[in-house]
Amino acid sequence: MGILDSIKNLIGDNKDKLKDGIDSASGMVSGMAGDHADKVDKAAEMAKGAVDKLPE
């Protein structure tokens, strides 16, 4: 079992919590990013999309 398999197993039932954490972190960073807040928001959406693609 590789490290990625271990991570996938940990995430399995906690996708909603992980996406909430991404939202929280991006909200904090967006406040500091100034003109680049839109890029932070786009990256957060991409990260949440990647979480959705992980197997159950």
N, C-alpha and C. Protein backbone atom coordinates (compact mmCIF):
# COMPACT_ATOMS: atom_id res chain seq x y z
N MET A 1 0.85 -1.17 0.00
CA MET A 1 0.00 0.00 0.00
C MET A 1 0.89 1.24 0.00
N GLY A 2 0.69 2.09 -0.96
CA GLY A 2 1.49 3.31 -1.07
C GLY A 2 0.90 4.45 -0.27
N ILE A 3 1.63 5.53 -0.24
CA ILE A 3 1.18 6.69 0.54
C ILE A 3 -0.10 7.28 -0.04
N LEU A 4 -0.25 7.27 -1.36
CA LEU A 4 -1.47 7.80 -1.96
C LEU A 4 -2.69 6.96 -1.59
N ASP A 5 -2.51 5.66 -1.52
CA ASP A 5 -3.62 4.79 -1.09
C ASP A 5 -4.02 5.11 0.34
N SER A 6 -3.04 5.37 1.19
CA SER A 6 -3.33 5.71 2.58
C SER A 6 -4.11 7.02 2.67
N ILE A 7 -3.70 7.98 1.86
CA ILE A 7 -4.39 9.28 1.86
C ILE A 7 -5.82 9.13 1.36
N LYS A 8 -6.00 8.36 0.30
CA LYS A 8 -7.35 8.14 -0.23
C LYS A 8 -8.25 7.48 0.80
N ASN A 9 -7.71 6.53 1.56
CA ASN A 9 -8.50 5.87 2.60
C ASN A 9 -8.89 6.85 3.70
N LEU A 10 -8.00 7.75 4.07
CA LEU A 10 -8.30 8.73 5.10
C LEU A 10 -9.36 9.72 4.65
N ILE A 11 -9.32 10.08 3.39
CA ILE A 11 -10.25 11.08 2.86
C ILE A 11 -11.63 10.49 2.62
N GLY A 12 -11.71 9.24 2.25
CA GLY A 12 -12.94 8.58 1.86
C GLY A 12 -14.23 9.13 2.41
N ASP A 13 -14.44 9.08 3.71
CA ASP A 13 -15.70 9.50 4.31
C ASP A 13 -15.69 10.96 4.75
N ASN A 14 -14.62 11.67 4.51
CA ASN A 14 -14.49 13.03 5.00
C ASN A 14 -14.37 14.07 3.89
N LYS A 15 -14.95 13.77 2.74
CA LYS A 15 -14.85 14.70 1.61
C LYS A 15 -15.49 16.04 1.93
N ASP A 16 -16.63 16.03 2.61
CA ASP A 16 -17.30 17.29 2.93
C ASP A 16 -16.44 18.13 3.87
N LYS A 17 -15.83 17.49 4.85
CA LYS A 17 -14.97 18.22 5.78
C LYS A 17 -13.75 18.78 5.07
N LEU A 18 -13.20 18.03 4.14
CA LEU A 18 -12.04 18.49 3.38
C LEU A 18 -12.41 19.69 2.52
N LYS A 19 -13.57 19.63 1.87
CA LYS A 19 -13.99 20.76 1.04
C LYS A 19 -14.29 21.99 1.89
N ASP A 20 -14.84 21.79 3.09
CA ASP A 20 -15.05 22.92 4.00
C ASP A 20 -13.71 23.54 4.40
N GLY A 21 -12.71 22.71 4.61
CA GLY A 21 -11.38 23.21 4.95
C GLY A 21 -10.77 23.99 3.80
N ILE A 22 -10.98 23.53 2.58
CA ILE A 22 -10.49 24.26 1.41
C ILE A 22 -11.16 25.62 1.33
N ASP A 23 -12.49 25.66 1.56
CA ASP A 23 -13.21 26.94 1.54
C ASP A 23 -12.69 27.88 2.61
N SER A 24 -12.46 27.36 3.80
CA SER A 24 -11.97 28.18 4.90
C SER A 24 -10.59 28.75 4.60
N ALA A 25 -9.70 27.90 4.11
CA ALA A 25 -8.35 28.35 3.80
C ALA A 25 -8.35 29.36 2.66
N SER A 26 -9.16 29.11 1.64
CA SER A 26 -9.19 30.05 0.52
C SER A 26 -9.79 31.39 0.93
N GLY A 27 -10.74 31.36 1.86
CA GLY A 27 -11.31 32.61 2.36
C GLY A 27 -10.27 33.45 3.08
N MET A 28 -9.44 32.81 3.88
CA MET A 28 -8.39 33.53 4.58
C MET A 28 -7.36 34.09 3.61
N VAL A 29 -6.96 33.27 2.65
CA VAL A 29 -5.93 33.69 1.69
C VAL A 29 -6.48 34.76 0.75
N SER A 30 -7.73 34.64 0.35
CA SER A 30 -8.33 35.63 -0.55
C SER A 30 -8.30 37.02 0.07
N GLY A 31 -8.51 37.08 1.37
CA GLY A 31 -8.47 38.37 2.05
C GLY A 31 -7.11 39.02 2.00
N MET A 32 -6.07 38.23 1.91
CA MET A 32 -4.70 38.75 1.86
C MET A 32 -4.18 38.89 0.44
N ALA A 33 -4.86 38.30 -0.53
CA ALA A 33 -4.35 38.24 -1.90
C ALA A 33 -4.61 39.50 -2.70
N GLY A 34 -5.49 40.34 -2.23
CA GLY A 34 -5.76 41.59 -2.95
C GLY A 34 -6.31 41.33 -4.34
N ASP A 35 -5.56 41.81 -5.34
CA ASP A 35 -6.00 41.69 -6.73
C ASP A 35 -6.03 40.26 -7.25
N HIS A 36 -5.40 39.36 -6.54
CA HIS A 36 -5.31 37.98 -7.00
C HIS A 36 -6.32 37.06 -6.32
N ALA A 37 -7.29 37.61 -5.64
CA ALA A 37 -8.29 36.81 -4.93
C ALA A 37 -9.06 35.91 -5.88
N ASP A 38 -9.29 36.37 -7.11
CA ASP A 38 -10.01 35.53 -8.08
C ASP A 38 -9.22 34.28 -8.43
N LYS A 39 -7.92 34.38 -8.46
CA LYS A 39 -7.08 33.20 -8.74
C LYS A 39 -7.12 32.21 -7.57
N VAL A 40 -7.18 32.74 -6.36
CA VAL A 40 -7.28 31.88 -5.18
C VAL A 40 -8.60 31.14 -5.20
N ASP A 41 -9.67 31.85 -5.53
CA ASP A 41 -10.99 31.22 -5.60
C ASP A 41 -11.03 30.14 -6.68
N LYS A 42 -10.40 30.41 -7.83
CA LYS A 42 -10.37 29.43 -8.92
C LYS A 42 -9.59 28.19 -8.48
N ALA A 43 -8.47 28.38 -7.80
CA ALA A 43 -7.68 27.25 -7.32
C ALA A 43 -8.47 26.43 -6.31
N ALA A 44 -9.23 27.09 -5.44
CA ALA A 44 -10.04 26.39 -4.46
C ALA A 44 -11.11 25.54 -5.14
N GLU A 45 -11.73 26.08 -6.16
CA GLU A 45 -12.74 25.31 -6.90
C GLU A 45 -12.12 24.11 -7.59
N MET A 46 -10.92 24.28 -8.13
CA MET A 46 -10.23 23.16 -8.77
C MET A 46 -9.87 22.08 -7.74
N ALA A 47 -9.45 22.52 -6.55
CA ALA A 47 -9.09 21.56 -5.49
C ALA A 47 -10.33 20.79 -5.04
N LYS A 48 -11.45 21.48 -4.91
CA LYS A 48 -12.69 20.78 -4.52
C LYS A 48 -13.15 19.83 -5.61
N GLY A 49 -12.92 20.18 -6.86
CA GLY A 49 -13.23 19.28 -7.97
C GLY A 49 -12.38 18.03 -7.92
N ALA A 50 -11.11 18.19 -7.56
CA ALA A 50 -10.21 17.04 -7.44
C ALA A 50 -10.65 16.12 -6.29
N VAL A 51 -11.14 16.71 -5.21
CA VAL A 51 -11.64 15.92 -4.09
C VAL A 51 -12.86 15.11 -4.53
N ASP A 52 -13.72 15.71 -5.32
CA ASP A 52 -14.91 15.01 -5.80
C ASP A 52 -14.55 13.82 -6.69
N LYS A 53 -13.42 13.90 -7.38
CA LYS A 53 -13.02 12.82 -8.28
C LYS A 53 -12.36 11.65 -7.56
N LEU A 54 -12.00 11.82 -6.31
CA LEU A 54 -11.38 10.72 -5.56
C LEU A 54 -12.39 9.60 -5.35
N PRO A 55 -11.92 8.37 -5.41
CA PRO A 55 -12.84 7.24 -5.19
C PRO A 55 -13.33 7.22 -3.75
N GLU A 56 -14.49 6.65 -3.57
CA GLU A 56 -15.10 6.55 -2.23
C GLU A 56 -14.30 5.64 -1.35
